[in-house]
N, C-alpha and C. Protein backbone atom coordinates (compact mmCIF):
# COMPACT_ATOMS: atom_id res chain seq x y z
N MET A 1 73.16 128.57 170.89
CA MET A 1 73.36 128.59 170.40
C MET A 1 74.44 127.64 170.67
N LEU A 2 75.24 127.01 169.45
CA LEU A 2 76.22 126.38 169.71
C LEU A 2 77.44 126.34 169.23
N SER A 3 78.13 126.49 170.50
CA SER A 3 79.72 127.47 170.58
C SER A 3 79.62 128.81 169.92
N GLY A 4 78.72 129.68 170.53
CA GLY A 4 78.70 130.75 169.87
C GLY A 4 79.52 131.43 169.96
N TRP A 5 79.85 132.43 169.24
CA TRP A 5 81.76 132.53 169.53
C TRP A 5 81.56 134.20 169.79
N GLU A 6 81.81 134.94 171.37
CA GLU A 6 81.81 136.18 171.10
C GLU A 6 80.47 136.57 171.65
N PRO A 7 79.41 135.82 171.94
CA PRO A 7 77.85 136.77 171.98
C PRO A 7 77.60 138.06 172.29
N VAL A 8 78.47 138.23 173.48
CA VAL A 8 78.47 140.10 173.36
C VAL A 8 78.42 140.75 173.03
N ARG A 9 79.89 140.94 173.16
CA ARG A 9 80.75 141.82 171.48
C ARG A 9 79.58 141.54 170.17
N LEU A 10 79.05 140.92 169.80
CA LEU A 10 78.98 140.46 168.74
C LEU A 10 76.83 140.85 168.30
N GLY A 11 76.73 141.02 169.56
CA GLY A 11 75.20 141.54 170.28
C GLY A 11 74.05 140.61 169.82
N LEU A 12 74.14 139.63 169.77
CA LEU A 12 73.75 138.60 169.57
C LEU A 12 73.13 137.85 171.31
N ILE A 13 73.56 138.80 172.26
CA ILE A 13 73.02 138.87 174.00
C ILE A 13 73.25 140.03 174.55
N ALA A 14 72.47 140.21 175.19
CA ALA A 14 72.57 141.24 176.07
C ALA A 14 73.89 141.05 177.45
N SER A 15 74.02 139.93 177.88
CA SER A 15 74.90 139.95 178.68
C SER A 15 74.51 138.42 179.09
N LEU A 16 76.14 137.52 179.49
CA LEU A 16 75.74 135.98 179.31
C LEU A 16 74.95 135.43 180.70
N ALA A 17 74.89 136.56 182.10
CA ALA A 17 73.43 136.18 183.18
C ALA A 17 72.62 136.06 182.29
N ARG A 18 72.31 137.67 182.28
CA ARG A 18 71.15 137.34 181.51
C ARG A 18 70.82 137.45 180.10
N PRO A 19 70.84 136.82 178.77
CA PRO A 19 71.28 136.91 177.90
C PRO A 19 70.00 137.92 176.94
N GLY A 20 68.88 138.13 177.72
CA GLY A 20 67.39 138.10 177.01
C GLY A 20 67.42 137.80 175.52
N GLY A 21 66.20 138.51 175.00
CA GLY A 21 65.86 137.91 173.76
C GLY A 21 65.13 136.01 173.67
N ASN A 22 65.87 135.95 172.10
CA ASN A 22 65.67 134.67 172.22
C ASN A 22 66.79 133.61 172.02
N VAL A 23 67.58 134.40 172.29
CA VAL A 23 69.01 133.26 172.34
C VAL A 23 69.45 133.05 173.24
N THR A 24 70.35 131.90 173.49
CA THR A 24 70.94 131.71 174.95
C THR A 24 71.65 130.42 174.54
N GLY A 25 72.69 129.50 175.62
CA GLY A 25 73.19 128.14 175.11
C GLY A 25 74.83 128.56 175.40
N VAL A 26 75.71 128.27 174.69
CA VAL A 26 76.76 127.42 174.64
C VAL A 26 77.69 128.60 174.45
N ALA A 27 78.85 129.44 174.52
CA ALA A 27 79.62 130.61 174.54
C ALA A 27 80.55 129.99 173.89
N TRP A 28 82.01 130.60 173.09
CA TRP A 28 83.14 129.99 173.23
C TRP A 28 83.59 131.50 173.01
N PHE A 29 85.17 131.06 173.32
CA PHE A 29 86.20 132.97 173.21
C PHE A 29 87.17 132.41 172.81
N ASN A 30 87.62 134.25 172.22
CA ASN A 30 88.52 133.37 170.92
C ASN A 30 90.15 133.26 171.59
N LEU A 31 90.52 131.95 170.97
CA LEU A 31 92.05 130.99 171.69
C LEU A 31 92.72 131.34 171.10
N LEU A 32 92.75 131.94 170.22
CA LEU A 32 94.03 132.15 169.36
C LEU A 32 95.00 132.85 170.47
N PRO A 33 95.39 133.67 170.96
CA PRO A 33 96.25 133.18 172.17
C PRO A 33 96.99 131.84 172.71
N LYS A 34 96.17 131.42 172.99
CA LYS A 34 96.35 130.36 174.19
C LYS A 34 96.96 129.17 172.93
N ARG A 35 96.27 129.79 172.21
CA ARG A 35 97.38 128.32 170.78
C ARG A 35 98.38 128.77 170.68
N MET A 36 98.76 129.91 170.05
CA MET A 36 99.87 130.41 169.84
C MET A 36 101.14 130.45 170.98
N GLU A 37 100.26 130.44 172.23
CA GLU A 37 101.44 129.98 174.17
C GLU A 37 101.81 128.18 173.54
N LEU A 38 100.78 127.89 173.59
CA LEU A 38 101.26 126.25 173.17
C LEU A 38 101.83 125.63 172.05
N LEU A 39 102.17 126.42 170.55
CA LEU A 39 103.24 126.68 170.19
C LEU A 39 104.06 126.67 170.27
N LYS A 40 104.20 128.09 171.14
CA LYS A 40 105.74 128.46 170.83
C LYS A 40 106.14 126.81 172.19
N GLU A 41 105.77 126.57 172.52
CA GLU A 41 106.51 125.51 173.74
C GLU A 41 107.39 123.85 172.31
N ILE A 42 106.96 123.89 171.11
CA ILE A 42 107.75 123.25 170.59
C ILE A 42 108.53 124.72 169.82
N VAL A 43 107.66 125.47 168.97
CA VAL A 43 108.70 126.21 168.75
C VAL A 43 109.13 127.54 169.48
N PRO A 44 110.15 127.98 170.54
CA PRO A 44 110.29 128.53 170.72
C PRO A 44 110.90 129.91 170.61
N ASN A 45 111.77 129.37 169.61
CA ASN A 45 112.20 130.69 168.77
C ASN A 45 111.08 131.26 167.81
N LEU A 46 110.36 131.69 168.01
CA LEU A 46 109.06 132.32 167.46
C LEU A 46 109.05 133.35 166.83
N ARG A 47 109.60 134.17 165.70
CA ARG A 47 109.37 135.39 165.41
C ARG A 47 108.28 136.00 164.61
N ARG A 48 107.96 135.33 163.65
CA ARG A 48 107.30 135.06 162.40
C ARG A 48 106.35 133.92 162.28
N VAL A 49 105.00 135.25 161.96
CA VAL A 49 103.53 133.74 162.17
C VAL A 49 102.87 134.44 160.83
N ALA A 50 103.01 133.34 159.96
CA ALA A 50 101.59 134.06 159.19
C ALA A 50 100.28 133.60 159.52
N PHE A 51 98.93 134.42 159.61
CA PHE A 51 97.94 134.01 159.79
C PHE A 51 97.15 133.78 158.55
N ILE A 52 96.75 132.68 158.54
CA ILE A 52 96.22 132.24 157.04
C ILE A 52 94.75 132.34 157.33
N THR A 53 93.46 133.03 156.11
CA THR A 53 92.60 133.34 155.91
C THR A 53 92.01 132.89 155.01
N ASP A 54 90.82 132.81 154.46
CA ASP A 54 90.03 132.77 152.77
C ASP A 54 89.04 133.73 152.57
N VAL A 55 88.76 134.18 151.48
CA VAL A 55 88.16 135.22 151.12
C VAL A 55 87.06 135.16 151.67
N MET A 56 86.47 133.04 151.59
CA MET A 56 84.84 133.64 152.79
C MET A 56 84.48 133.30 153.62
N GLY A 57 86.24 133.77 154.41
CA GLY A 57 85.41 134.05 155.83
C GLY A 57 85.68 135.37 155.95
N ALA A 58 86.73 135.97 154.57
CA ALA A 58 86.47 137.68 154.91
C ALA A 58 85.37 137.78 154.84
N ALA A 59 84.73 137.62 153.66
CA ALA A 59 83.18 138.21 153.20
C ALA A 59 82.16 138.03 154.49
N TYR A 60 82.14 137.08 155.04
CA TYR A 60 80.91 136.71 155.87
C TYR A 60 81.22 137.37 157.03
N ARG A 61 82.31 137.47 157.29
CA ARG A 61 82.80 138.08 158.97
C ARG A 61 82.36 139.28 159.30
N PRO A 62 81.48 139.38 160.15
CA PRO A 62 81.12 140.59 160.73
C PRO A 62 82.62 141.77 161.10
N PRO A 63 81.89 143.21 161.43
CA PRO A 63 82.97 143.87 161.31
C PRO A 63 83.68 143.34 163.00
N GLU A 64 83.28 143.61 163.32
CA GLU A 64 83.58 143.03 165.30
C GLU A 64 83.96 141.89 164.99
N ALA A 65 83.89 140.97 164.69
CA ALA A 65 84.46 140.35 164.40
C ALA A 65 85.97 140.12 164.43
N SER A 66 86.07 140.95 163.31
CA SER A 66 86.86 140.71 162.77
C SER A 66 88.18 141.95 163.64
N LYS A 67 87.43 142.75 164.26
CA LYS A 67 88.16 143.47 165.16
C LYS A 67 88.90 142.35 166.42
N ILE A 68 87.69 141.57 166.98
CA ILE A 68 88.05 140.75 167.75
C ILE A 68 89.10 140.12 167.62
N THR A 69 89.26 140.11 166.83
CA THR A 69 90.20 138.61 166.16
C THR A 69 91.46 139.18 165.89
N GLU A 70 91.75 140.35 165.35
CA GLU A 70 92.69 141.51 165.07
C GLU A 70 93.17 141.92 166.47
N GLU A 71 92.46 141.89 167.41
CA GLU A 71 92.50 142.82 169.42
C GLU A 71 93.70 140.95 169.68
N ASN A 72 93.07 139.65 169.30
CA ASN A 72 94.03 138.85 169.67
C ASN A 72 95.01 138.15 169.38
N ARG A 73 95.14 138.73 167.70
CA ARG A 73 96.04 138.63 167.36
C ARG A 73 97.45 139.64 167.96
N GLN A 74 97.47 141.08 168.12
CA GLN A 74 98.14 141.57 168.91
C GLN A 74 98.61 141.31 170.11
N ILE A 75 96.86 140.58 170.71
CA ILE A 75 97.78 140.19 172.56
C ILE A 75 98.69 138.92 172.02
N ALA A 76 98.66 138.17 171.74
CA ALA A 76 99.36 136.74 171.31
C ALA A 76 100.73 137.20 170.63
N ALA A 77 100.60 138.40 170.17
CA ALA A 77 102.41 139.15 169.62
C ALA A 77 102.37 139.57 170.79
N SER A 78 102.34 140.75 171.06
CA SER A 78 102.72 140.99 172.01
C SER A 78 103.49 139.95 173.57
N ALA A 79 102.90 139.80 173.38
CA ALA A 79 103.07 138.11 175.04
C ALA A 79 104.17 137.82 174.76
N LEU A 80 103.89 137.51 172.95
CA LEU A 80 105.13 135.88 173.04
C LEU A 80 106.13 136.13 172.32
N GLY A 81 106.47 137.93 171.32
CA GLY A 81 107.38 138.39 170.86
C GLY A 81 107.41 138.17 169.75
N PHE A 82 106.37 138.15 168.74
CA PHE A 82 106.96 137.40 167.51
C PHE A 82 105.71 138.80 166.67
N THR A 83 106.14 139.12 165.41
CA THR A 83 105.88 139.55 164.34
C THR A 83 104.54 138.66 163.21
N TRP A 84 103.46 138.90 162.99
CA TRP A 84 102.54 138.45 162.07
C TRP A 84 101.98 139.08 160.97
N GLN A 85 101.97 138.49 160.08
CA GLN A 85 101.32 138.79 158.22
C GLN A 85 100.02 137.64 158.02
N VAL A 86 98.74 138.67 157.43
CA VAL A 86 97.58 137.89 157.09
C VAL A 86 98.28 137.82 155.89
N PHE A 87 97.91 135.85 155.15
CA PHE A 87 97.21 136.27 154.00
C PHE A 87 96.53 135.21 153.87
N THR A 88 95.78 135.63 151.94
CA THR A 88 94.55 135.07 151.68
C THR A 88 94.53 134.15 150.97
N ALA A 89 93.67 133.69 151.43
CA ALA A 89 93.63 132.39 150.43
C ALA A 89 92.19 132.88 149.55
N ALA A 90 92.09 132.65 147.83
CA ALA A 90 91.13 132.96 147.19
C ALA A 90 90.62 131.45 146.23
N ALA A 91 91.07 130.68 146.52
CA ALA A 91 91.12 129.19 145.55
C ALA A 91 92.19 127.91 146.44
N ALA A 92 91.87 127.33 146.43
CA ALA A 92 92.61 125.53 146.76
C ALA A 92 93.96 125.68 146.26
N SER A 93 94.53 125.91 145.11
CA SER A 93 95.87 126.87 144.62
C SER A 93 96.63 127.39 145.28
N ASP A 94 95.99 128.23 145.93
CA ASP A 94 96.44 129.65 146.96
C ASP A 94 97.59 129.20 147.83
N TYR A 95 97.06 127.95 148.29
CA TYR A 95 97.39 127.44 149.64
C TYR A 95 99.29 126.97 149.14
N ASP A 96 99.64 126.77 148.01
CA ASP A 96 100.74 126.07 147.53
C ASP A 96 101.77 127.45 147.12
N GLU A 97 100.85 128.21 146.96
CA GLU A 97 101.40 130.20 146.39
C GLU A 97 101.78 130.27 148.15
N ILE A 98 101.40 130.28 149.05
CA ILE A 98 101.33 131.07 150.13
C ILE A 98 102.30 130.12 151.09
N PHE A 99 102.40 128.86 150.90
CA PHE A 99 103.80 128.10 151.57
C PHE A 99 104.54 128.07 151.06
N ALA A 100 104.70 128.48 150.06
CA ALA A 100 105.85 128.83 149.40
C ALA A 100 106.78 129.85 149.82
N ARG A 101 105.81 130.43 149.39
CA ARG A 101 106.20 132.27 150.10
C ARG A 101 106.69 131.79 151.64
N LEU A 102 106.12 131.61 152.37
CA LEU A 102 106.35 131.03 153.96
C LEU A 102 107.31 130.81 153.98
N ALA A 103 107.60 129.72 153.26
CA ALA A 103 109.13 129.10 153.42
C ALA A 103 110.23 130.09 152.83
N ALA A 104 110.12 130.51 152.07
CA ALA A 104 110.96 131.50 151.48
C ALA A 104 111.35 132.05 151.84
N GLU A 105 110.03 133.10 152.72
CA GLU A 105 110.61 134.69 153.47
C GLU A 105 111.52 133.99 155.30
N HIS A 106 111.49 132.78 155.36
CA HIS A 106 111.74 132.13 157.04
C HIS A 106 110.37 132.46 158.11
N TYR A 107 109.18 131.96 157.29
CA TYR A 107 108.19 131.99 158.24
C TYR A 107 108.45 130.99 159.17
N ASP A 108 108.20 131.05 160.54
CA ASP A 108 108.42 130.07 161.68
C ASP A 108 107.04 129.29 161.93
N ALA A 109 105.90 129.93 161.41
CA ALA A 109 104.33 129.40 162.20
C ALA A 109 103.62 129.23 161.37
N ALA A 110 102.37 128.89 161.32
CA ALA A 110 101.13 129.22 160.19
C ALA A 110 99.66 128.87 161.40
N TYR A 111 98.72 130.06 161.58
CA TYR A 111 98.43 129.39 162.17
C TYR A 111 96.76 129.75 161.11
N ILE A 112 95.99 128.47 161.69
CA ILE A 112 95.21 128.13 160.00
C ILE A 112 93.47 128.98 160.93
N SER A 113 92.78 129.78 159.96
CA SER A 113 91.66 130.10 160.82
C SER A 113 90.75 129.15 160.22
N ALA A 114 89.86 129.04 160.86
CA ALA A 114 88.70 128.01 161.05
C ALA A 114 87.85 129.21 160.20
N THR A 115 87.79 128.20 158.83
CA THR A 115 86.55 128.78 157.76
C THR A 115 86.27 127.30 157.23
N GLN A 116 85.28 127.23 157.17
CA GLN A 116 84.99 126.03 156.25
C GLN A 116 85.77 126.08 154.57
N PHE A 117 86.36 127.30 154.00
CA PHE A 117 87.19 126.71 152.92
C PHE A 117 88.53 125.96 153.73
N SER A 118 88.73 126.63 154.49
CA SER A 118 90.55 125.76 154.86
C SER A 118 90.09 124.69 155.78
N SER A 119 88.65 124.68 156.23
CA SER A 119 88.30 122.98 156.37
C SER A 119 88.29 121.55 155.58
N ASP A 120 87.88 122.48 154.42
CA ASP A 120 87.55 121.54 153.43
C ASP A 120 88.73 121.30 152.50
N ASN A 121 89.89 121.82 152.97
CA ASN A 121 91.64 121.65 152.37
C ASN A 121 92.10 121.14 152.94
N LEU A 122 92.06 120.99 154.40
CA LEU A 122 92.94 119.95 155.85
C LEU A 122 94.02 119.98 155.07
N THR A 123 93.57 118.23 154.36
CA THR A 123 94.65 117.54 153.86
C THR A 123 95.57 118.45 152.65
N ARG A 124 95.13 119.12 152.31
CA ARG A 124 96.88 119.85 151.45
C ARG A 124 96.80 120.36 152.61
N ILE A 125 96.69 121.66 154.15
CA ILE A 125 97.04 122.59 153.92
C ILE A 125 98.43 121.67 154.99
N GLY A 126 97.98 120.25 155.65
CA GLY A 126 98.99 119.72 156.40
C GLY A 126 99.93 119.67 155.64
N GLN A 127 99.86 118.97 154.16
CA GLN A 127 101.20 118.87 153.35
C GLN A 127 101.72 119.75 153.32
N LEU A 128 101.19 120.54 153.13
CA LEU A 128 101.88 122.01 152.84
C LEU A 128 102.90 121.58 153.95
N GLY A 129 102.17 122.12 154.76
CA GLY A 129 103.39 122.15 156.30
C GLY A 129 104.43 121.77 156.18
N SER A 130 103.99 120.64 156.08
CA SER A 130 105.26 119.72 156.14
C SER A 130 106.44 119.75 154.81
N ARG A 131 105.70 120.25 154.04
CA ARG A 131 106.64 119.80 152.89
C ARG A 131 107.20 121.45 152.86
N HIS A 132 107.15 122.53 153.33
CA HIS A 132 108.17 123.27 153.47
C HIS A 132 108.46 123.92 155.07
N ARG A 133 108.19 122.34 156.28
CA ARG A 133 108.67 122.73 157.26
C ARG A 133 107.82 123.94 157.98
N ILE A 134 106.90 124.24 157.94
CA ILE A 134 106.35 125.36 158.68
C ILE A 134 104.98 124.38 159.36
N PRO A 135 105.36 124.19 160.72
CA PRO A 135 105.11 124.20 161.98
C PRO A 135 103.20 125.52 161.54
N THR A 136 102.27 124.26 161.38
CA THR A 136 100.93 124.94 161.66
C THR A 136 99.78 124.82 162.96
N VAL A 137 99.57 126.01 163.15
CA VAL A 137 98.22 125.37 164.41
C VAL A 137 96.87 125.58 163.79
N GLY A 138 96.28 125.29 164.26
CA GLY A 138 94.52 125.08 164.28
C GLY A 138 93.56 125.30 165.51
N PRO A 139 91.99 124.86 165.16
CA PRO A 139 91.18 125.00 165.99
C PRO A 139 90.42 123.88 166.84
N ALA A 140 90.75 122.87 165.79
CA ALA A 140 89.44 121.58 166.73
C ALA A 140 90.89 120.41 166.05
N ALA A 141 90.20 119.17 166.81
CA ALA A 141 90.94 118.30 166.81
C ALA A 141 91.23 117.44 165.93
N ARG A 142 89.82 117.35 164.40
CA ARG A 142 90.98 116.68 163.48
C ARG A 142 91.60 117.27 162.53
N TRP A 143 91.65 118.75 162.94
CA TRP A 143 92.84 119.50 161.70
C TRP A 143 94.17 118.62 162.20
N ALA A 144 94.11 118.19 163.18
CA ALA A 144 95.63 117.40 163.64
C ALA A 144 95.11 116.69 163.41
N ARG A 145 94.69 116.11 163.37
CA ARG A 145 94.20 114.16 162.89
C ARG A 145 94.62 114.36 160.77
N GLY A 146 94.08 115.45 160.42
CA GLY A 146 93.89 116.19 159.37
C GLY A 146 95.80 116.29 158.73
N GLY A 147 96.74 116.68 159.15
CA GLY A 147 97.85 116.73 159.60
C GLY A 147 98.88 117.89 160.22
N LEU A 148 97.97 119.17 160.89
CA LEU A 148 98.08 120.14 161.52
C LEU A 148 99.16 119.90 162.16
N LEU A 149 99.75 120.62 163.07
CA LEU A 149 100.71 120.25 164.24
C LEU A 149 100.06 119.92 165.74
N LEU A 150 99.69 121.08 165.72
CA LEU A 150 98.99 121.20 167.12
C LEU A 150 97.53 121.79 166.90
N THR A 151 96.73 121.51 167.21
CA THR A 151 95.67 122.29 167.97
C THR A 151 94.65 122.16 169.00
N TYR A 152 93.74 123.46 169.25
CA TYR A 152 93.15 123.61 170.84
C TYR A 152 92.20 124.08 170.38
N GLY A 153 91.16 123.39 171.18
CA GLY A 153 89.74 123.67 170.66
C GLY A 153 88.86 122.67 171.98
N ASP A 154 87.43 123.89 171.71
CA ASP A 154 86.11 122.82 172.18
C ASP A 154 85.85 121.20 171.81
N ASP A 155 85.83 121.09 172.50
CA ASP A 155 85.60 119.34 172.55
C ASP A 155 83.95 119.10 171.92
N PRO A 156 83.14 118.95 170.47
CA PRO A 156 82.01 119.59 169.54
C PRO A 156 80.94 118.64 170.01
N ILE A 157 81.70 117.27 170.79
CA ILE A 157 80.41 116.39 171.35
C ILE A 157 79.92 116.57 173.01
N ARG A 158 80.62 117.19 174.03
CA ARG A 158 79.88 117.89 174.86
C ARG A 158 79.48 119.28 174.78
N THR A 159 79.89 119.38 174.14
CA THR A 159 79.42 120.98 173.54
C THR A 159 77.85 120.90 172.56
N ALA A 160 77.69 119.45 171.84
CA ALA A 160 76.54 119.59 171.64
C ALA A 160 75.68 118.78 172.74
N ALA A 161 75.70 118.60 173.33
CA ALA A 161 75.48 118.13 174.45
C ALA A 161 74.83 118.99 175.48
N ARG A 162 75.79 119.78 176.03
CA ARG A 162 75.14 120.98 176.81
C ARG A 162 74.10 121.76 176.15
N ALA A 163 74.42 121.59 174.84
CA ALA A 163 73.29 122.97 173.60
C ALA A 163 72.13 121.48 173.79
N LEU A 164 71.90 120.44 173.70
CA LEU A 164 70.75 119.70 173.90
C LEU A 164 69.57 119.73 175.26
N GLU A 165 70.73 120.24 176.25
CA GLU A 165 70.17 120.35 177.50
C GLU A 165 69.29 121.99 177.71
N TYR A 166 70.16 122.62 176.80
CA TYR A 166 69.10 123.89 177.15
C TYR A 166 67.91 123.59 175.73
N VAL A 167 67.91 122.43 174.80
CA VAL A 167 67.35 122.72 174.09
C VAL A 167 65.72 121.70 175.10
N ASP A 168 65.98 120.92 176.14
CA ASP A 168 65.48 120.66 176.65
C ASP A 168 64.66 120.97 177.65
N LYS A 169 65.15 121.93 177.85
CA LYS A 169 64.40 122.72 178.76
C LYS A 169 63.99 123.79 178.38
N ILE A 170 64.00 124.52 177.26
CA ILE A 170 63.27 125.47 176.21
C ILE A 170 61.79 124.72 176.07
N LEU A 171 61.96 123.49 175.56
CA LEU A 171 60.50 122.70 175.17
C LEU A 171 59.78 122.35 176.16
N ARG A 172 60.24 122.40 177.81
CA ARG A 172 59.80 121.90 178.59
C ARG A 172 58.81 123.74 179.26
N GLY A 173 59.51 124.65 178.19
CA GLY A 173 58.31 125.68 179.07
C GLY A 173 59.15 126.49 179.59
N SER A 174 60.83 126.67 179.51
CA SER A 174 62.12 127.81 180.27
C SER A 174 61.42 128.86 179.49
N LYS A 175 61.81 130.04 179.53
CA LYS A 175 62.22 131.06 178.37
C LYS A 175 63.77 130.93 178.06
N PRO A 176 63.83 131.07 176.85
CA PRO A 176 65.69 131.82 176.92
C PRO A 176 66.31 132.52 177.38
N SER A 177 65.40 133.97 177.57
CA SER A 177 66.06 134.82 177.83
C SER A 177 66.17 134.82 179.50
N ASP A 178 65.48 133.72 180.03
CA ASP A 178 65.84 133.68 181.68
C ASP A 178 66.90 131.95 181.85
N LEU A 179 67.67 131.87 180.49
CA LEU A 179 68.67 130.69 181.23
C LEU A 179 69.80 131.51 180.87
N PRO A 180 70.91 131.42 181.92
CA PRO A 180 71.85 131.86 181.83
C PRO A 180 73.18 130.96 180.66
N VAL A 181 73.57 131.98 179.71
CA VAL A 181 74.39 131.31 178.54
C VAL A 181 75.27 130.79 179.47
N GLU A 182 76.16 129.47 178.98
CA GLU A 182 77.46 128.56 179.83
C GLU A 182 78.63 128.85 178.84
N GLN A 183 79.72 129.36 179.29
CA GLN A 183 80.83 129.27 178.77
C GLN A 183 81.84 128.01 178.89
N GLY A 184 82.46 127.66 177.58
CA GLY A 184 82.88 126.48 177.47
C GLY A 184 83.92 126.37 178.47
N THR A 185 83.97 125.24 179.15
CA THR A 185 84.94 125.02 179.87
C THR A 185 86.03 123.58 179.80
N TYR A 186 86.19 123.15 178.45
CA TYR A 186 86.45 121.91 178.31
C TYR A 186 87.37 122.11 177.31
N PHE A 187 88.12 121.67 176.68
CA PHE A 187 89.53 122.05 176.12
C PHE A 187 89.99 121.32 175.27
N GLU A 188 90.19 120.73 174.25
CA GLU A 188 90.96 119.30 173.81
C GLU A 188 92.47 119.69 173.05
N LEU A 189 93.53 119.55 173.81
CA LEU A 189 94.33 119.90 173.47
C LEU A 189 95.40 118.57 172.23
N VAL A 190 95.41 118.63 170.96
CA VAL A 190 95.60 117.56 170.33
C VAL A 190 97.22 117.85 169.42
N ILE A 191 98.02 117.02 169.42
CA ILE A 191 99.71 116.95 168.76
C ILE A 191 99.77 116.26 168.09
N ASN A 192 100.17 116.38 166.72
CA ASN A 192 100.51 115.25 165.82
C ASN A 192 102.07 115.16 165.50
N LEU A 193 102.63 113.68 166.45
CA LEU A 193 103.96 113.57 166.65
C LEU A 193 104.73 113.80 165.67
N LYS A 194 104.03 112.35 164.60
CA LYS A 194 104.23 112.15 162.87
C LYS A 194 104.57 113.90 162.32
N THR A 195 103.56 114.48 162.57
CA THR A 195 103.93 115.85 162.03
C THR A 195 105.18 116.57 162.51
N ALA A 196 105.26 116.34 163.21
CA ALA A 196 106.26 116.89 164.70
C ALA A 196 107.68 116.49 163.53
N LYS A 197 107.46 114.99 163.89
CA LYS A 197 108.57 114.42 163.32
C LYS A 197 109.53 115.23 161.73
N GLU A 198 108.23 115.23 160.92
CA GLU A 198 108.90 115.74 159.48
C GLU A 198 108.94 116.71 159.81
N LEU A 199 108.45 117.85 160.74
CA LEU A 199 109.21 119.18 161.25
C LEU A 199 110.41 119.29 161.28
N GLY A 200 111.05 117.85 162.17
CA GLY A 200 112.09 118.45 162.97
C GLY A 200 112.29 118.92 164.03
N LEU A 201 110.54 119.10 164.31
CA LEU A 201 110.58 119.05 165.66
C LEU A 201 110.53 118.04 166.72
N THR A 202 110.89 118.81 168.22
CA THR A 202 110.77 117.40 169.55
C THR A 202 109.84 118.49 170.29
N VAL A 203 108.66 117.91 170.17
CA VAL A 203 107.93 118.00 171.48
C VAL A 203 108.15 117.67 173.26
N PRO A 204 107.60 119.06 173.71
CA PRO A 204 108.56 118.60 175.93
C PRO A 204 107.37 118.10 176.07
N PRO A 205 108.35 116.75 176.60
CA PRO A 205 106.76 115.90 177.17
C PRO A 205 106.43 116.02 178.59
N SER A 206 106.18 117.44 178.91
CA SER A 206 105.64 118.26 179.99
C SER A 206 104.04 118.61 178.81
N LEU A 207 104.49 118.98 177.49
CA LEU A 207 103.37 119.22 176.83
C LEU A 207 102.50 117.82 176.22
N ILE A 208 103.24 116.70 176.26
CA ILE A 208 102.46 115.93 175.24
C ILE A 208 101.77 115.05 176.67
N ALA A 209 102.27 115.53 178.18
CA ALA A 209 101.52 115.10 178.93
C ALA A 209 99.89 115.61 179.65
N ARG A 210 100.28 117.23 179.00
CA ARG A 210 99.30 117.50 178.90
C ARG A 210 97.81 117.63 177.84
N ALA A 211 98.98 116.53 176.57
CA ALA A 211 97.76 116.68 175.47
C ALA A 211 96.43 115.69 175.63
N ASP A 212 95.01 115.76 175.13
CA ASP A 212 94.01 114.57 175.24
C ASP A 212 94.46 113.43 174.02
N GLU A 213 95.11 114.18 173.17
CA GLU A 213 95.06 113.21 172.03
C GLU A 213 96.80 113.08 171.88
N VAL A 214 97.48 112.40 171.35
CA VAL A 214 98.69 112.16 171.10
C VAL A 214 98.83 111.46 169.30
N ILE A 215 98.30 111.98 168.36
CA ILE A 215 98.89 111.58 167.18
C ILE A 215 100.25 111.09 166.44
N GLU A 216 100.52 109.88 166.29
CA GLU A 216 101.99 109.17 166.32
C GLU A 216 102.21 108.39 165.11
């Protein structure tokens, strides 16, 4: 596994310590609550949040994965005091309509789900967020480089390096079932100050100091 998401709950392995079967590697867990916590440091009056996904992500997501995501939305909303609504894009042009609606209905932020469809439309999403003054948060560093306000997620280079160490062990004779699954421990916080300026937001110095990358 390279960044295997919630592998125990999705039935890929028996446990982290004893995965069993033929699957092992690096596991990651849902970071949605932490991303929203970081966003609230920039947007303290966070009350209404849109969670934007797409038909591709919804169609290929196992029921248990949808359940996990829903649970994490509830955890974040309860802890941080906001309400949320899911919006689903079926085409790239749908993002225009969604963001126009968010602005009209006074949403405070948009959480962009990690799907191939949204990844392919990062520039469009970033521009729409700035145009409609909707702060956006997402999963990985390159999304902030594409224009999102803030991202928090795993470092793909470090994760790939750890996964290759598993490959090396297996090629040398180790059984996957005997290799404990490692939990991701290194996360990148990236803040786009250019986007923050366009949104009229001030990023606290304490958050900037914690960032792994600041885009100006």
